[in-house]
Amino acid sequence: MRLRPVTESDLDRLEEMFVDPDAIGVFNWGGFTDGTVWRKRFEENRLLSEDRSVLMVELDGTALGFVSWNKIRTGQFSHVFEFGISLWPAHRGKGHGSAAQLQLARYLFAHSTVHRIQAGTELDNIAEQRALEKAGFTREAVLREYSFRDGAWRDEVLYRMLRPELPMP
């Protein structure tokens, strides 16, 4: 498995994912959005910037989905990265999510000075919680009524990994 930059040929598939509730998954579906956003951001910066980035998850030449992260300022001179993942339905439940999230953690720690990486997932998203724990993340908190999806406020579980907690290869 490897993470790689998004190419122009990935854009159609990414756009399709975000207009299909089954493709993006129940926990990531937030309603219909402007599908041109992907292309606009790709033209601006190839979906790689200091504050917000996307990489494709690939196995044996097949794109499985993507990981993304954004910078959250925590002080005048400090920040954390918060990340997410979405795999296409055919590739879920096979351990690819854990592997990709661990690989992303290694990448972010190797190529930045960030000390903390975090991810949140809905309390009901047991599969993602297991994937994060398998990748070495620590469950840190439950954030009550944190996000709004499908007509209701949802609790979120916050996971973290600090630089010294990164599992060795």
C-alpha atoms as a PDB file:
ATOM      1  CA  MET A   1       0.000   0.000   0.000  1.00  0.00           C
ATOM      2  CA  ARG A   2       1.119   3.531  -0.663  1.00  0.00           C
ATOM      3  CA  LEU A   3      -0.131   7.077  -0.388  1.00  0.00           C
ATOM      4  CA  ARG A   4       0.289   9.229  -3.474  1.00  0.00           C
ATOM      5  CA  PRO A   5      -0.721  12.666  -4.719  1.00  0.00           C
ATOM      6  CA  VAL A   6      -4.077  13.037  -6.447  1.00  0.00           C
ATOM      7  CA  THR A   7      -3.860  13.054 -10.237  1.00  0.00           C
ATOM      8  CA  GLU A   8      -6.289  14.618 -12.660  1.00  0.00           C
ATOM      9  CA  SER A   9      -7.553  11.150 -13.557  1.00  0.00           C
ATOM     10  CA  ASP A  10      -8.660  10.655  -9.906  1.00  0.00           C
ATOM     11  CA  LEU A  11     -10.971  13.681  -9.936  1.00  0.00           C
ATOM     12  CA  ASP A  12     -13.966  12.038 -11.635  1.00  0.00           C
ATOM     13  CA  ARG A  13     -13.985   9.255  -9.067  1.00  0.00           C
ATOM     14  CA  LEU A  14     -13.628  11.682  -6.151  1.00  0.00           C
ATOM     15  CA  GLU A  15     -16.481  13.824  -7.464  1.00  0.00           C
ATOM     16  CA  GLU A  16     -18.682  10.742  -7.881  1.00  0.00           C
ATOM     17  CA  MET A  17     -17.922   9.670  -4.317  1.00  0.00           C
ATOM     18  CA  PHE A  18     -19.277  12.902  -2.876  1.00  0.00           C
ATOM     19  CA  VAL A  19     -22.602  12.783  -4.697  1.00  0.00           C
ATOM     20  CA  ASP A  20     -23.362   9.170  -3.775  1.00  0.00           C
ATOM     21  CA  PRO A  21     -24.273   8.515  -0.120  1.00  0.00           C
ATOM     22  CA  ASP A  22     -23.386   4.830  -0.498  1.00  0.00           C
ATOM     23  CA  ALA A  23     -19.971   5.596  -1.987  1.00  0.00           C
ATOM     24  CA  ILE A  24     -18.916   8.143   0.640  1.00  0.00           C
ATOM     25  CA  GLY A  25     -20.475   6.161   3.475  1.00  0.00           C
ATOM     26  CA  VAL A  26     -23.150   7.019   5.992  1.00  0.00           C
ATOM     27  CA  PHE A  27     -20.733   8.670   8.440  1.00  0.00           C
ATOM     28  CA  ASN A  28     -19.230  10.985   5.801  1.00  0.00           C
ATOM     29  CA  TRP A  29     -22.403  11.864   3.880  1.00  0.00           C
ATOM     30  CA  GLY A  30     -23.344  15.452   4.555  1.00  0.00           C
ATOM     31  CA  GLY A  31     -25.704  16.130   1.674  1.00  0.00           C
ATOM     32  CA  PHE A  32     -25.160  17.212  -1.891  1.00  0.00           C
ATOM     33  CA  THR A  33     -22.368  19.714  -2.495  1.00  0.00           C
ATOM     34  CA  ASP A  34     -20.722  21.539  -5.354  1.00  0.00           C
ATOM     35  CA  GLY A  35     -18.868  18.821  -7.259  1.00  0.00           C
ATOM     36  CA  THR A  36     -16.563  21.333  -8.940  1.00  0.00           C
ATOM     37  CA  VAL A  37     -14.764  22.082  -5.675  1.00  0.00           C
ATOM     38  CA  TRP A  38     -12.347  19.169  -6.241  1.00  0.00           C
ATOM     39  CA  ARG A  39     -11.301  20.462  -9.673  1.00  0.00           C
ATOM     40  CA  LYS A  40     -10.960  24.050  -8.473  1.00  0.00           C
ATOM     41  CA  ARG A  41      -8.706  23.006  -5.586  1.00  0.00           C
ATOM     42  CA  PHE A  42      -6.760  20.669  -7.861  1.00  0.00           C
ATOM     43  CA  GLU A  43      -6.115  23.529 -10.306  1.00  0.00           C
ATOM     44  CA  GLU A  44      -5.024  25.800  -7.446  1.00  0.00           C
ATOM     45  CA  ASN A  45      -2.615  23.487  -5.615  1.00  0.00           C
ATOM     46  CA  ARG A  46      -3.037  19.839  -6.677  1.00  0.00           C
ATOM     47  CA  LEU A  47      -4.880  19.304  -3.341  1.00  0.00           C
ATOM     48  CA  LEU A  48      -1.631  19.806  -1.445  1.00  0.00           C
ATOM     49  CA  SER A  49      -1.246  22.914   0.693  1.00  0.00           C
ATOM     50  CA  GLU A  50       0.161  23.976   4.021  1.00  0.00           C
ATOM     51  CA  ASP A  51      -3.281  24.018   5.637  1.00  0.00           C
ATOM     52  CA  ARG A  52      -5.287  21.300   3.863  1.00  0.00           C
ATOM     53  CA  SER A  53      -4.212  18.305   1.772  1.00  0.00           C
ATOM     54  CA  VAL A  54      -5.431  15.075   0.174  1.00  0.00           C
ATOM     55  CA  LEU A  55      -3.552  11.920  -0.851  1.00  0.00           C
ATOM     56  CA  MET A  56      -4.892   8.850  -2.608  1.00  0.00           C
ATOM     57  CA  VAL A  57      -4.629   5.432  -0.960  1.00  0.00           C
ATOM     58  CA  GLU A  58      -3.388   2.920  -3.523  1.00  0.00           C
ATOM     59  CA  LEU A  59      -2.738  -0.819  -3.461  1.00  0.00           C
ATOM     60  CA  ASP A  60      -1.149  -2.643  -6.396  1.00  0.00           C
ATOM     61  CA  GLY A  61      -2.013   0.231  -8.742  1.00  0.00           C
ATOM     62  CA  THR A  62      -5.670   0.430  -7.643  1.00  0.00           C
ATOM     63  CA  ALA A  63      -6.979   3.526  -5.871  1.00  0.00           C
ATOM     64  CA  LEU A  64      -8.830   2.428  -2.721  1.00  0.00           C
ATOM     65  CA  GLY A  65      -9.926   5.896  -1.582  1.00  0.00           C
ATOM     66  CA  PHE A  66      -8.213   8.874   0.006  1.00  0.00           C
ATOM     67  CA  VAL A  67      -6.869  10.400   3.196  1.00  0.00           C
ATOM     68  CA  SER A  68      -6.998  14.101   3.978  1.00  0.00           C
ATOM     69  CA  TRP A  69      -5.745  16.361   6.738  1.00  0.00           C
ATOM     70  CA  ASN A  70      -5.974  19.944   7.794  1.00  0.00           C
ATOM     71  CA  LYS A  71      -4.005  22.139  10.141  1.00  0.00           C
ATOM     72  CA  ILE A  72      -5.684  23.334  13.321  1.00  0.00           C
ATOM     73  CA  ARG A  73      -3.923  26.146  15.141  1.00  0.00           C
ATOM     74  CA  THR A  74      -3.582  25.490  18.870  1.00  0.00           C
ATOM     75  CA  GLY A  75      -1.477  28.525  19.783  1.00  0.00           C
ATOM     76  CA  GLN A  76       0.546  31.328  18.281  1.00  0.00           C
ATOM     77  CA  PHE A  77       3.319  28.976  17.175  1.00  0.00           C
ATOM     78  CA  SER A  78       1.706  25.529  17.402  1.00  0.00           C
ATOM     79  CA  HIS A  79      -0.770  23.400  15.514  1.00  0.00           C
ATOM     80  CA  VAL A  80      -2.075  19.853  15.205  1.00  0.00           C
ATOM     81  CA  PHE A  81      -3.172  17.945  12.137  1.00  0.00           C
ATOM     82  CA  GLU A  82      -6.657  16.483  12.037  1.00  0.00           C
ATOM     83  CA  PHE A  83      -7.201  13.837   9.417  1.00  0.00           C
ATOM     84  CA  GLY A  84      -9.875  11.718   7.844  1.00  0.00           C
ATOM     85  CA  ILE A  85     -10.172   8.792   5.488  1.00  0.00           C
ATOM     86  CA  SER A  86     -12.726   7.508   3.031  1.00  0.00           C
ATOM     87  CA  LEU A  87     -12.382   4.268   1.123  1.00  0.00           C
ATOM     88  CA  TRP A  88     -14.646   3.100  -1.683  1.00  0.00           C
ATOM     89  CA  PRO A  89     -17.156   0.490  -0.485  1.00  0.00           C
ATOM     90  CA  ALA A  90     -15.411  -2.484  -2.122  1.00  0.00           C
ATOM     91  CA  HIS A  91     -12.253  -1.782  -0.101  1.00  0.00           C
ATOM     92  CA  ARG A  92     -13.764  -1.290   3.350  1.00  0.00           C
ATOM     93  CA  GLY A  93     -13.483  -3.849   6.149  1.00  0.00           C
ATOM     94  CA  LYS A  94     -10.220  -5.367   4.893  1.00  0.00           C
ATOM     95  CA  GLY A  95      -7.694  -3.581   7.100  1.00  0.00           C
ATOM     96  CA  HIS A  96      -6.749  -1.018   4.453  1.00  0.00           C
ATOM     97  CA  GLY A  97      -8.013   1.874   6.581  1.00  0.00           C
ATOM     98  CA  SER A  98      -5.747   1.050   9.514  1.00  0.00           C
ATOM     99  CA  ALA A  99      -2.745   0.633   7.247  1.00  0.00           C
ATOM    100  CA  ALA A 100      -3.433   3.894   5.405  1.00  0.00           C
ATOM    101  CA  GLN A 101      -3.956   5.869   8.618  1.00  0.00           C
ATOM    102  CA  LEU A 102      -0.723   4.561  10.125  1.00  0.00           C
ATOM    103  CA  GLN A 103       1.100   5.361   6.898  1.00  0.00           C
ATOM    104  CA  LEU A 104      -0.345   8.881   6.961  1.00  0.00           C
ATOM    105  CA  ALA A 105       0.780   9.352  10.575  1.00  0.00           C
ATOM    106  CA  ARG A 106       4.305   8.279   9.621  1.00  0.00           C
ATOM    107  CA  TYR A 107       4.273  10.642   6.652  1.00  0.00           C
ATOM    108  CA  LEU A 108       3.051  13.635   8.677  1.00  0.00           C
ATOM    109  CA  PHE A 109       5.547  13.077  11.494  1.00  0.00           C
ATOM    110  CA  ALA A 110       8.399  12.586   9.007  1.00  0.00           C
ATOM    111  CA  HIS A 111       7.675  15.683   6.935  1.00  0.00           C
ATOM    112  CA  SER A 112       6.547  18.249   9.513  1.00  0.00           C
ATOM    113  CA  THR A 113       7.300  19.397  13.024  1.00  0.00           C
ATOM    114  CA  VAL A 114       3.782  18.527  14.207  1.00  0.00           C
ATOM    115  CA  HIS A 115       3.700  16.763  17.576  1.00  0.00           C
ATOM    116  CA  ARG A 116       0.046  15.661  17.639  1.00  0.00           C
ATOM    117  CA  ILE A 117      -2.202  14.102  15.008  1.00  0.00           C
ATOM    118  CA  GLN A 118      -5.873  13.564  15.712  1.00  0.00           C
ATOM    119  CA  ALA A 119      -8.969  12.114  14.133  1.00  0.00           C
ATOM    120  CA  GLY A 120     -12.591  12.173  15.086  1.00  0.00           C
ATOM    121  CA  THR A 121     -15.335   9.754  14.205  1.00  0.00           C
ATOM    122  CA  GLU A 122     -18.950   9.354  15.189  1.00  0.00           C
ATOM    123  CA  LEU A 123     -19.604   7.340  18.319  1.00  0.00           C
ATOM    124  CA  ASP A 124     -21.592   4.818  16.256  1.00  0.00           C
ATOM    125  CA  ASN A 125     -18.764   4.308  13.743  1.00  0.00           C
ATOM    126  CA  ILE A 126     -17.301   1.265  15.464  1.00  0.00           C
ATOM    127  CA  ALA A 127     -15.372   0.135  12.368  1.00  0.00           C
ATOM    128  CA  GLU A 128     -13.419   3.410  12.219  1.00  0.00           C
ATOM    129  CA  GLN A 129     -12.743   3.329  15.949  1.00  0.00           C
ATOM    130  CA  ARG A 130     -11.273  -0.167  15.571  1.00  0.00           C
ATOM    131  CA  ALA A 131      -9.220   0.959  12.565  1.00  0.00           C
ATOM    132  CA  LEU A 132      -7.761   3.905  14.478  1.00  0.00           C
ATOM    133  CA  GLU A 133      -6.933   1.762  17.499  1.00  0.00           C
ATOM    134  CA  LYS A 134      -5.328  -0.893  15.279  1.00  0.00           C
ATOM    135  CA  ALA A 135      -3.208   1.863  13.691  1.00  0.00           C
ATOM    136  CA  GLY A 136      -1.953   2.887  17.151  1.00  0.00           C
ATOM    137  CA  PHE A 137      -4.191   5.855  17.966  1.00  0.00           C
ATOM    138  CA  THR A 138      -5.455   6.432  21.507  1.00  0.00           C
ATOM    139  CA  ARG A 139      -9.094   7.141  22.304  1.00  0.00           C
ATOM    140  CA  GLU A 140      -9.002  10.422  24.155  1.00  0.00           C
ATOM    141  CA  ALA A 141     -12.496  11.859  24.571  1.00  0.00           C
ATOM    142  CA  VAL A 142     -16.164  11.721  23.643  1.00  0.00           C
ATOM    143  CA  LEU A 143     -17.423  15.062  22.385  1.00  0.00           C
ATOM    144  CA  ARG A 144     -21.153  15.251  23.058  1.00  0.00           C
ATOM    145  CA  GLU A 145     -23.434  16.483  20.266  1.00  0.00           C
ATOM    146  CA  TYR A 146     -20.413  17.631  18.276  1.00  0.00           C
ATOM    147  CA  SER A 147     -21.575  17.332  14.679  1.00  0.00           C
ATOM    148  CA  PHE A 148     -24.855  17.529  12.809  1.00  0.00           C
ATOM    149  CA  ARG A 149     -25.702  14.796  10.287  1.00  0.00           C
ATOM    150  CA  ASP A 150     -28.917  13.363   8.930  1.00  0.00           C
ATOM    151  CA  GLY A 151     -31.201  15.549  11.026  1.00  0.00           C
ATOM    152  CA  ALA A 152     -29.541  14.952  14.409  1.00  0.00           C
ATOM    153  CA  TRP A 153     -26.624  16.056  16.559  1.00  0.00           C
ATOM    154  CA  ARG A 154     -24.044  13.261  16.846  1.00  0.00           C
ATOM    155  CA  ASP A 155     -21.470  12.423  19.496  1.00  0.00           C
ATOM    156  CA  GLU A 156     -17.908  12.165  18.253  1.00  0.00           C
ATOM    157  CA  VAL A 157     -14.960  10.180  19.582  1.00  0.00           C
ATOM    158  CA  LEU A 158     -11.592  11.930  19.443  1.00  0.00           C
ATOM    159  CA  TYR A 159      -8.434   9.886  18.849  1.00  0.00           C
ATOM    160  CA  ARG A 160      -4.860  11.100  19.031  1.00  0.00           C
ATOM    161  CA  MET A 161      -1.313  10.055  18.359  1.00  0.00           C
ATOM    162  CA  LEU A 162       1.639  12.000  19.738  1.00  0.00           C
ATOM    163  CA  ARG A 163       4.983  11.871  17.972  1.00  0.00           C
ATOM    164  CA  PRO A 164       6.577   9.586  20.636  1.00  0.00           C
ATOM    165  CA  GLU A 165       3.605   7.189  20.347  1.00  0.00           C
ATOM    166  CA  LEU A 166       4.173   6.450  16.644  1.00  0.00           C
ATOM    167  CA  PRO A 167       4.555   2.660  16.304  1.00  0.00           C
ATOM    168  CA  MET A 168       7.909   1.623  14.911  1.00  0.00           C
ATOM    169  CA  PRO A 169       7.908  -0.162  11.537  1.00  0.00           C
END
